[in-house]
Amino acid sequence: MTSDFTLVKAFLGLTLIGAEWVLWLLVGLSILSVSIILERLLFFVRARHNFTEFNLTLTDYLKDGAFEPAEGLCASYRSLAARVALQGLHNRRNGREAMEGSMEGLIVGEKSKLDRGLVVLGTLGNNAPFIGLFGTVIGIIKAFHDLSMFPQGGPSVIMSGISEALVATAVGLLVAIPAVVAFNAFNRVVKNQMANAQAVAKVMMIYRYLDTSTGSKP
């Protein structure tokens, strides 16, 4: 019993520090979340373009065997689909396997760049509310302890402490909600870019032999 009581007192001493350190932790996580959101937003905006228009133009070039204009078109965009097409054009004379493998390798390699930071956003979205709830529990424990130490304060003591403790939950939700929204939005963008890259790779393999500039099949 003595050991249990000592352990409870030890943990109680930690909780009596208050929930302010939890709030500072949430503020730090909020800054991290906003930084990732802005970086990813800028990254995807720079690579954004009308894929349908790009794909139709690229297909027309490939049908006509106009590979140099196709390379120029792909080089003018920063999207994954454009870079995959450019990779295929550079390797089209090395055989089917080399061309297909180079494009697939680029898609796999670029997946990690597209996903950068999304794990952090997903983790914050799932766990920030629990961190805030942890701070609220600590604040409530401290409020009841203050009431036991100063019973003459009455309900005002505990109500004041609980209201301050609930701030941690609110801040936790404030961190989590934008992180979840951004994670879902960026995850959809990544899936679209991967699908577009796969579609372009298939188009490249269909028209890989049409080269009117040499009149031969590479």
Protein backbone atom coordinates (compact mmCIF):
# COMPACT_ATOMS: atom_id res chain seq x y z
CA MET A 1 0.00 0.00 0.00
CA THR A 2 2.83 2.37 0.87
CA SER A 3 4.49 1.76 -2.50
CA ASP A 4 1.24 2.39 -4.39
CA PHE A 5 0.56 5.52 -2.41
CA THR A 6 4.07 6.82 -3.10
CA LEU A 7 3.66 6.13 -6.80
CA VAL A 8 0.33 7.97 -6.88
CA LYS A 9 1.91 10.94 -5.13
CA ALA A 10 4.75 10.93 -7.61
CA PHE A 11 2.40 11.05 -10.60
CA LEU A 12 0.21 13.59 -8.83
CA GLY A 13 3.23 15.83 -8.43
CA LEU A 14 3.79 15.69 -12.18
CA THR A 15 0.19 16.55 -12.97
CA LEU A 16 0.23 19.50 -10.61
CA ILE A 17 2.71 21.19 -12.90
CA GLY A 18 -0.34 22.09 -14.94
CA ALA A 19 -1.33 21.82 -18.57
CA GLU A 20 0.58 24.84 -19.84
CA TRP A 21 3.45 22.70 -21.13
CA VAL A 22 0.90 20.67 -23.13
CA LEU A 23 -0.34 23.89 -24.70
CA TRP A 24 3.19 24.83 -25.68
CA LEU A 25 3.64 21.38 -27.19
CA LEU A 26 0.46 21.84 -29.20
CA VAL A 27 1.61 25.27 -30.36
CA GLY A 28 4.86 23.69 -31.59
CA LEU A 29 2.96 20.94 -33.38
CA SER A 30 0.67 23.55 -34.92
CA ILE A 31 3.66 25.43 -36.33
CA LEU A 32 5.01 22.16 -37.73
CA SER A 33 1.65 21.32 -39.29
CA VAL A 34 1.23 24.73 -40.91
CA SER A 35 4.80 24.60 -42.25
CA ILE A 36 4.19 21.22 -43.90
CA ILE A 37 0.83 22.33 -45.30
CA LEU A 38 2.32 25.46 -46.88
CA GLU A 39 5.32 23.56 -48.28
CA ARG A 40 3.15 20.82 -49.79
CA LEU A 41 0.66 23.36 -51.15
CA LEU A 42 3.44 25.26 -52.91
CA PHE A 43 4.92 22.01 -54.21
CA PHE A 44 1.66 20.77 -55.73
CA VAL A 45 0.65 24.17 -57.11
CA ARG A 46 3.96 24.41 -59.00
CA ALA A 47 3.39 20.98 -60.55
CA ARG A 48 -0.25 21.63 -61.39
CA HIS A 49 -1.44 21.75 -65.00
CA ASN A 50 -4.30 20.61 -67.21
CA PHE A 51 -3.51 16.93 -67.55
CA THR A 52 -6.23 16.24 -70.13
CA GLU A 53 -4.88 18.92 -72.45
CA PHE A 54 -1.31 17.78 -71.87
CA ASN A 55 -2.14 14.14 -72.55
CA LEU A 56 -4.03 14.94 -75.77
CA THR A 57 -1.21 17.14 -77.07
CA LEU A 58 1.41 14.54 -76.17
CA THR A 59 -0.60 11.79 -77.85
CA ASP A 60 -0.90 13.86 -81.04
CA TYR A 61 2.88 14.37 -81.10
CA LEU A 62 3.49 10.67 -80.53
CA LYS A 63 1.03 9.65 -83.26
CA ASP A 64 2.89 11.88 -85.71
CA GLY A 65 6.26 10.62 -84.55
CA ALA A 66 7.20 14.16 -83.52
CA PHE A 67 9.37 13.16 -80.58
CA GLU A 68 11.40 16.37 -80.33
CA PRO A 69 8.31 18.57 -79.89
CA ALA A 70 7.02 15.97 -77.42
CA GLU A 71 10.23 16.32 -75.40
CA GLY A 72 9.87 20.09 -75.44
CA LEU A 73 6.28 19.80 -74.25
CA CYS A 74 7.22 17.49 -71.37
CA ALA A 75 10.19 19.63 -70.36
CA SER A 76 7.92 22.66 -69.98
CA TYR A 77 5.94 21.02 -67.15
CA ARG A 78 6.96 19.99 -63.64
CA SER A 79 4.34 17.34 -63.00
CA LEU A 80 5.19 13.69 -62.44
CA ALA A 81 3.32 12.69 -65.61
CA ALA A 82 5.42 15.06 -67.71
CA ARG A 83 8.67 13.81 -66.17
CA VAL A 84 7.63 10.19 -66.72
CA ALA A 85 6.90 10.92 -70.38
CA LEU A 86 10.23 12.69 -70.76
CA GLN A 87 12.00 9.73 -69.15
CA GLY A 88 10.31 7.41 -71.62
CA LEU A 89 11.27 9.58 -74.58
CA HIS A 90 14.91 9.60 -73.50
CA ASN A 91 14.97 5.80 -73.23
CA ARG A 92 12.72 4.83 -76.16
CA ARG A 93 15.67 3.65 -78.30
CA ASN A 94 16.97 1.32 -75.59
CA GLY A 95 14.24 -1.27 -76.05
CA ARG A 96 10.86 -1.95 -74.57
CA GLU A 97 12.08 -3.24 -71.20
CA ALA A 98 14.51 -0.38 -70.65
CA MET A 99 11.92 2.22 -71.57
CA GLU A 100 9.17 0.69 -69.44
CA GLY A 101 11.52 0.02 -66.53
CA SER A 102 12.87 3.58 -66.53
CA MET A 103 9.38 5.04 -66.36
CA GLU A 104 8.22 2.64 -63.65
CA GLY A 105 11.38 3.31 -61.66
CA LEU A 106 10.78 7.06 -61.83
CA ILE A 107 7.17 6.65 -60.69
CA VAL A 108 8.19 4.52 -57.71
CA GLY A 109 11.05 6.85 -56.80
CA GLU A 110 8.93 9.99 -56.99
CA LYS A 111 6.17 8.50 -54.82
CA SER A 112 8.20 9.20 -51.67
CA LYS A 113 8.65 12.84 -52.72
CA LEU A 114 4.92 13.24 -53.26
CA ASP A 115 4.18 11.69 -49.86
CA ARG A 116 6.72 13.83 -47.98
CA GLY A 117 5.20 15.23 -44.81
CA LEU A 118 1.86 13.49 -45.21
CA VAL A 119 2.67 10.94 -42.52
CA VAL A 120 3.25 13.79 -40.08
CA LEU A 121 -0.05 15.43 -41.00
CA GLY A 122 -1.89 12.14 -40.62
CA THR A 123 -0.26 11.51 -37.25
CA LEU A 124 -1.11 14.98 -35.99
CA GLY A 125 -4.68 14.67 -37.22
CA ASN A 126 -5.14 11.42 -35.33
CA ASN A 127 -3.28 12.24 -32.13
CA ALA A 128 -3.47 15.99 -31.50
CA PRO A 129 -6.97 15.68 -29.94
CA PHE A 130 -5.65 13.07 -27.52
CA ILE A 131 -2.76 15.33 -26.57
CA GLY A 132 -5.26 18.10 -25.91
CA LEU A 133 -7.43 15.71 -23.90
CA PHE A 134 -4.37 14.72 -21.88
CA GLY A 135 -3.79 18.38 -21.06
CA THR A 136 -7.43 18.74 -20.05
CA VAL A 137 -7.22 15.76 -17.70
CA ILE A 138 -4.11 17.20 -16.11
CA GLY A 139 -5.84 20.56 -15.70
CA ILE A 140 -8.91 18.97 -14.08
CA ILE A 141 -6.72 17.02 -11.64
CA LYS A 142 -4.97 20.25 -10.71
CA ALA A 143 -8.32 22.03 -10.32
CA PHE A 144 -9.61 19.43 -7.85
CA HIS A 145 -6.32 19.50 -5.99
CA ASP A 146 -6.54 23.28 -5.69
CA LEU A 147 -10.09 22.93 -4.35
CA SER A 148 -8.89 20.45 -1.72
CA MET A 149 -6.12 22.83 -0.70
CA PHE A 150 -8.38 25.92 -0.67
CA PRO A 151 -11.94 24.71 0.06
CA GLN A 152 -13.01 28.20 1.07
CA GLY A 153 -12.78 29.19 -2.60
CA GLY A 154 -15.83 27.08 -3.35
CA PRO A 155 -16.99 26.16 -6.85
CA SER A 156 -15.30 29.17 -8.38
CA VAL A 157 -11.88 27.58 -7.82
CA ILE A 158 -12.68 24.35 -9.61
CA MET A 159 -14.72 25.99 -12.37
CA SER A 160 -11.90 28.36 -13.16
CA GLY A 161 -9.43 25.47 -13.32
CA ILE A 162 -11.68 23.33 -15.50
CA SER A 163 -12.33 26.16 -17.96
CA GLU A 164 -8.59 26.63 -18.33
CA ALA A 165 -8.11 22.89 -18.73
CA LEU A 166 -10.65 22.68 -21.54
CA VAL A 167 -8.53 25.11 -23.54
CA ALA A 168 -6.10 22.24 -24.15
CA THR A 169 -8.82 20.15 -25.82
CA ALA A 170 -9.85 23.10 -27.97
CA VAL A 171 -6.26 23.73 -29.06
CA GLY A 172 -5.81 20.02 -29.78
CA LEU A 173 -8.81 20.09 -32.11
CA LEU A 174 -7.54 23.31 -33.66
CA VAL A 175 -4.31 21.52 -34.55
CA ALA A 176 -5.98 18.31 -35.71
CA ILE A 177 -8.73 19.62 -37.99
CA PRO A 178 -6.51 21.49 -40.52
CA ALA A 179 -4.04 18.58 -40.48
CA VAL A 180 -6.79 16.07 -41.33
CA VAL A 181 -8.25 18.27 -44.07
CA ALA A 182 -4.81 18.88 -45.61
CA PHE A 183 -3.87 15.19 -45.35
CA ASN A 184 -7.00 14.08 -47.18
CA ALA A 185 -6.64 16.76 -49.86
CA PHE A 186 -2.95 16.12 -50.49
CA ASN A 187 -3.45 12.36 -50.45
CA ARG A 188 -6.02 12.73 -53.21
CA VAL A 189 -3.61 14.88 -55.23
CA VAL A 190 -0.91 12.24 -54.86
CA LYS A 191 -3.27 9.51 -56.06
CA ASN A 192 -4.27 11.63 -59.06
CA GLN A 193 -0.65 12.32 -59.98
CA MET A 194 0.25 8.64 -59.69
CA ALA A 195 -2.73 7.67 -61.86
CA ASN A 196 -1.81 10.31 -64.45
CA ALA A 197 1.79 9.09 -64.52
CA GLN A 198 0.67 5.50 -65.04
CA ALA A 199 -1.65 6.60 -67.86
CA VAL A 200 1.12 8.53 -69.61
CA ALA A 201 3.47 5.57 -69.27
CA LYS A 202 0.95 3.36 -71.06
CA VAL A 203 0.52 5.92 -73.84
CA MET A 204 4.29 6.08 -74.24
CA MET A 205 4.53 2.32 -74.64
CA ILE A 206 1.80 2.31 -77.29
CA TYR A 207 3.49 4.89 -79.53
CA ARG A 208 7.12 4.13 -78.79
CA TYR A 209 7.95 2.92 -82.32
CA LEU A 210 6.43 5.71 -84.39
CA ASP A 211 9.40 7.83 -85.43
CA THR A 212 8.79 9.66 -88.70
CA SER A 213 12.01 11.64 -88.42
CA THR A 214 14.12 8.53 -89.17
CA GLY A 215 11.58 6.44 -91.03
CA SER A 216 12.59 3.43 -88.94
CA LYS A 217 11.67 1.62 -85.76
CA PRO A 218 14.07 2.12 -82.87
